Protein backbone atom coordinates (compact mmCIF):
# COMPACT_ATOMS: atom_id res chain seq x y z
CA MET A 1 75.15 14.85 -64.45
CA VAL A 2 78.13 16.99 -66.13
CA ASP A 3 79.03 15.92 -69.63
CA ALA A 4 82.33 14.53 -69.28
CA GLY A 5 84.33 16.82 -71.33
CA MET A 6 87.10 19.54 -71.41
CA SER A 7 86.02 22.68 -69.37
CA ASP A 8 87.12 25.82 -70.19
CA ASP A 9 90.05 25.67 -67.87
CA GLY A 10 91.52 23.06 -69.13
CA ASP A 11 90.02 20.79 -66.74
CA LEU A 12 88.27 17.31 -67.22
CA MET A 13 85.00 16.79 -66.18
CA ALA A 14 84.65 13.55 -64.41
CA GLY A 15 81.12 13.39 -64.10
CA ASP A 16 78.59 13.11 -60.98
CA PHE A 17 80.57 10.89 -58.13
CA SER A 18 78.13 8.80 -57.29
CA VAL A 19 77.36 7.69 -60.78
CA TRP A 20 81.22 7.44 -61.74
CA MET A 21 81.57 5.02 -58.52
CA THR A 22 78.68 2.94 -59.58
CA GLU A 23 80.02 2.79 -62.48
CA MET A 24 83.50 1.87 -61.81
CA VAL A 25 82.72 -1.01 -59.27
CA GLY A 26 80.56 -2.62 -62.09
CA ALA A 27 83.77 -2.80 -63.90
CA LEU A 28 85.93 -3.69 -61.26
CA ARG A 29 83.29 -6.87 -61.28
CA GLY A 30 83.58 -7.54 -64.47
CA GLU A 31 80.01 -6.71 -65.51
CA ARG A 32 81.07 -4.10 -68.13
CA GLY A 33 84.13 -1.83 -69.08
CA ALA A 34 85.30 1.69 -67.86
CA ALA A 35 83.18 4.08 -69.94
CA VAL A 36 86.75 6.65 -69.55
CA PRO A 37 85.87 9.95 -72.14
CA CYS A 38 89.81 9.53 -73.33
CA ALA A 39 89.23 11.97 -76.03
CA GLY A 40 92.22 10.68 -77.67
CA CYS A 41 94.80 10.76 -74.53
CA THR A 42 97.25 7.65 -74.55
CA ALA A 43 98.92 8.36 -71.69
CA CYS A 44 98.51 4.59 -70.21
CA CYS A 45 99.81 3.01 -73.64
CA THR A 46 102.99 5.26 -73.70
CA SER A 47 104.28 4.84 -69.80
CA SER A 48 106.10 1.73 -69.82
CA GLN A 49 102.92 -0.50 -68.48
CA PHE A 50 103.18 -4.32 -68.23
CA VAL A 51 99.71 -5.38 -69.23
CA PRO A 52 98.64 -8.56 -67.40
CA ILE A 53 96.70 -11.15 -69.36
CA ALA A 54 94.69 -13.76 -67.97
CA PRO A 55 94.24 -17.29 -69.95
CA ASP A 56 90.20 -17.08 -70.03
CA GLU A 57 90.97 -13.90 -72.55
CA THR A 58 91.16 -16.23 -75.38
CA ASP A 59 89.69 -13.61 -77.52
CA THR A 60 92.34 -10.76 -76.44
CA LEU A 61 95.26 -13.61 -76.63
CA ALA A 62 94.73 -14.67 -80.22
CA HIS A 63 94.99 -11.25 -81.67
CA ILE A 64 98.00 -10.46 -80.15
CA PRO A 65 101.62 -11.97 -81.34
CA SER A 66 102.74 -14.73 -78.98
CA GLU A 67 106.21 -13.14 -79.38
CA LEU A 68 104.96 -10.22 -77.36
CA LEU A 69 104.03 -12.06 -74.57
CA PHE A 70 106.09 -13.50 -71.66
CA ARG A 71 105.01 -15.75 -68.31
CA ALA A 72 103.94 -13.07 -65.94
CA PRO A 73 105.63 -13.70 -62.65
CA ARG A 74 104.37 -14.96 -59.49
CA ALA A 75 101.27 -16.15 -61.42
CA PRO A 76 99.70 -19.35 -61.95
CA ALA A 77 100.77 -20.92 -65.21
CA GLY A 78 98.92 -19.18 -67.92
CA HIS A 79 98.89 -15.90 -66.68
CA VAL A 80 100.98 -13.54 -69.26
CA VAL A 81 101.84 -10.16 -69.55
CA LEU A 82 101.87 -7.70 -72.81
CA GLY A 83 105.03 -5.35 -72.43
CA TYR A 84 106.30 -2.21 -74.21
CA ASP A 85 108.51 -1.32 -76.66
CA GLU A 86 111.75 1.12 -76.44
CA ARG A 87 109.73 4.18 -76.08
CA GLY A 88 107.85 3.13 -73.59
CA HIS A 89 104.33 2.14 -75.67
CA CYS A 90 102.46 -0.58 -75.97
CA PRO A 91 103.30 -2.56 -78.81
CA MET A 92 99.55 -2.83 -80.20
CA LEU A 93 99.30 1.13 -80.30
CA VAL A 94 99.79 1.97 -84.00
CA ASP A 95 99.51 5.44 -85.01
CA ASN A 96 98.57 6.49 -81.68
CA ARG A 97 95.37 4.14 -81.78
CA CYS A 98 94.97 0.80 -80.31
CA SER A 99 95.14 -1.87 -83.21
CA ILE A 100 93.18 -4.27 -80.91
CA TYR A 101 90.69 -2.20 -79.41
CA GLU A 102 87.81 -4.33 -79.96
CA HIS A 103 90.08 -7.04 -78.58
CA ARG A 104 91.72 -5.44 -75.86
CA PRO A 105 92.78 -6.74 -72.49
CA ARG A 106 90.48 -7.06 -69.37
CA THR A 107 93.06 -4.86 -67.69
CA CYS A 108 92.37 -2.25 -70.50
CA ARG A 109 89.06 -2.38 -70.48
CA THR A 110 88.61 -1.73 -66.90
CA TYR A 111 91.24 0.90 -66.38
CA ASP A 112 90.50 4.58 -65.39
CA CYS A 113 93.01 6.97 -64.41
CA ARG A 114 89.73 8.73 -62.39
CA VAL A 115 90.88 6.79 -59.80
CA LEU A 116 93.64 8.67 -58.56
CA PRO A 117 91.36 12.02 -57.95
CA ALA A 118 88.74 9.94 -56.69
CA ALA A 119 91.11 8.38 -53.77
CA GLY A 120 93.39 11.91 -53.60
CA LEU A 121 96.44 9.86 -54.64
CA ARG A 122 99.18 10.38 -57.07
CA LEU A 123 101.78 8.51 -59.21
CA ALA A 124 104.94 8.49 -57.68
CA ASP A 125 107.68 10.74 -58.70
CA ASP A 126 108.33 8.35 -62.01
CA ASP A 127 109.17 9.89 -65.07
CA ASP A 128 107.55 7.20 -67.25
CA LYS A 129 104.19 7.79 -65.43
CA ALA A 130 104.25 11.24 -65.42
CA LEU A 131 102.02 11.27 -68.77
CA ILE A 132 99.39 9.49 -66.26
CA ASP A 133 99.89 11.60 -63.22
CA ARG A 134 98.83 14.90 -65.17
CA GLN A 135 96.19 13.61 -67.02
CA ALA A 136 94.64 12.13 -63.93
CA ARG A 137 95.06 15.18 -62.03
CA ARG A 138 92.67 17.37 -64.57
CA TRP A 139 89.64 15.22 -63.99
CA ARG A 140 87.22 17.34 -61.72
CA PHE A 141 84.01 15.28 -60.27
CA ALA A 142 80.87 16.85 -59.60
CA PHE A 143 79.24 16.53 -56.09
CA PRO A 144 75.03 17.23 -56.61
CA ASP A 145 74.45 15.86 -53.56
CA HIS A 146 75.05 14.73 -50.02
CA THR A 147 75.37 10.96 -51.54
CA ASP A 148 78.50 12.13 -53.87
CA ARG A 149 80.51 13.66 -50.93
CA VAL A 150 80.24 11.50 -48.69
CA ARG A 151 80.99 8.66 -50.93
CA HIS A 152 83.96 10.15 -52.07
CA ASP A 153 84.87 10.72 -48.49
CA ALA A 154 84.46 6.99 -47.64
CA VAL A 155 86.95 6.36 -50.08
CA ARG A 156 89.47 8.83 -48.66
CA ALA A 157 88.84 7.69 -45.36
CA ALA A 158 89.21 3.90 -46.98
CA VAL A 159 92.81 5.26 -48.31
CA ARG A 160 93.63 6.91 -44.48
CA PHE A 161 92.92 3.29 -43.07
CA LEU A 162 94.70 0.92 -45.40
CA VAL A 163 97.89 3.16 -45.04
CA GLU A 164 97.95 4.18 -41.39
CA ARG A 165 96.79 0.74 -39.99
CA GLY A 166 97.86 -1.57 -42.58
CA ASP A 167 99.58 -3.76 -40.29
CA LEU A 168 95.38 -4.86 -38.83
CA LEU A 169 95.75 -6.47 -42.40
CA PRO A 170 97.52 -9.63 -44.05
CA ALA A 171 100.64 -9.32 -45.61
CA GLY A 172 100.85 -7.94 -48.39
CA ALA A 173 97.23 -7.53 -48.78
CA VAL A 174 98.07 -3.13 -49.00
CA PRO A 175 99.12 -2.33 -52.47
CA PRO A 176 102.32 -0.42 -52.41
CA ASP A 177 101.11 1.53 -55.56
CA ALA A 178 98.88 4.18 -56.10
CA THR A 179 96.78 3.01 -58.58
CA HIS A 180 95.88 -0.48 -57.07
CA LEU A 181 95.97 1.38 -53.36
CA ALA A 182 92.94 3.57 -55.37
CA VAL A 183 90.90 0.70 -56.64
CA LEU A 184 91.33 -1.15 -53.12
CA ALA A 185 89.97 1.86 -51.49
CA ILE A 186 87.11 1.98 -54.07
CA GLU A 187 86.22 -1.85 -53.64
CA VAL A 188 86.13 -1.81 -49.98
CA HIS A 189 84.74 1.66 -49.73
CA GLN A 190 81.16 0.57 -48.25
CA ILE A 191 82.74 -0.71 -44.88
CA PHE A 192 83.25 3.01 -44.21
CA LEU A 193 79.86 4.18 -44.69
CA ARG A 194 76.42 3.81 -42.22
CA CYS A 195 73.22 4.37 -43.77
CA ASP A 196 70.52 5.52 -41.51
CA ASP A 197 67.53 2.71 -42.00
CA ASP A 198 64.63 5.47 -41.32
CA THR A 199 66.15 8.60 -43.71
CA GLY A 200 68.31 6.82 -45.54
CA HIS A 201 71.35 9.65 -44.81
CA MET A 202 74.68 7.89 -44.98
CA THR A 203 77.86 8.95 -42.51
CA ILE A 204 81.50 7.81 -42.19
CA VAL A 205 82.34 5.33 -39.74
CA GLU A 206 85.49 3.91 -38.05
CA PRO A 207 85.04 0.00 -39.40
CA ASP A 208 85.29 -3.00 -37.73
CA PRO A 209 89.21 -4.38 -38.20
CA ALA A 210 87.93 -8.04 -38.59
CA VAL A 211 85.19 -6.85 -41.06
CA LEU A 212 87.71 -4.74 -43.01
CA ARG A 213 90.04 -7.31 -43.20
CA ARG A 214 87.68 -10.15 -44.45
CA GLU A 215 86.47 -7.76 -47.27
CA VAL A 216 90.06 -6.87 -48.22
CA LEU A 217 90.80 -11.03 -48.48
CA ARG A 218 87.47 -11.30 -50.47
CA VAL A 219 88.29 -8.97 -53.19
CA THR A 220 92.59 -9.32 -53.34
CA GLY A 221 92.41 -13.28 -52.88
CA ALA A 222 94.88 -12.89 -50.63
CA PRO A 223 95.80 -15.49 -47.94
CA ASP A 224 94.90 -14.83 -44.12
CA THR A 225 98.15 -15.27 -42.89
CA GLY A 226 96.76 -14.43 -39.34
């Protein structure tokens, strides 16, 4: 496994792709936090991002002053967002460190900018997100065997399908922003894989749109509009 540190040429080693994917999927399912080797990077904390917090995150809510929280738009009662200050910085970032790191929101625990290069996506030309985009473009995954390559191809195939054939899915199911689109592609990438029962060899397949539709509905919780 590649050490997840900085290489001599300034790139950041993201690790073996399949290992990272397994960990990322686990984080998205709430089984663990995302283990990101940030090495002091605070791009996601200083890029004018709203952080959603669910009502079951009682420990987090107890460590954030109520005046910094606002009701989340278009979300059920009890869901709030943590905003940012006039510099675009998270107000819980103190002396360039998270002051509530052990109690940070679930969104922060699962955030991993490596989803962007994994999916072959970049953030929009937005000055607020330039630091995140710059950091994300430095990651370099390792592909030690066929499984790493084919899973990587499956994520990118999922992105292409979601973008080019999103009309086959419920309205609003495909996220408009790159980060959430990358996450969705990771969550449904298995639909684009076929494993030979005899050899275990995996290949990319064109999915049944109905199967993909059901999976997208399952992971997003979007209503089935028919």
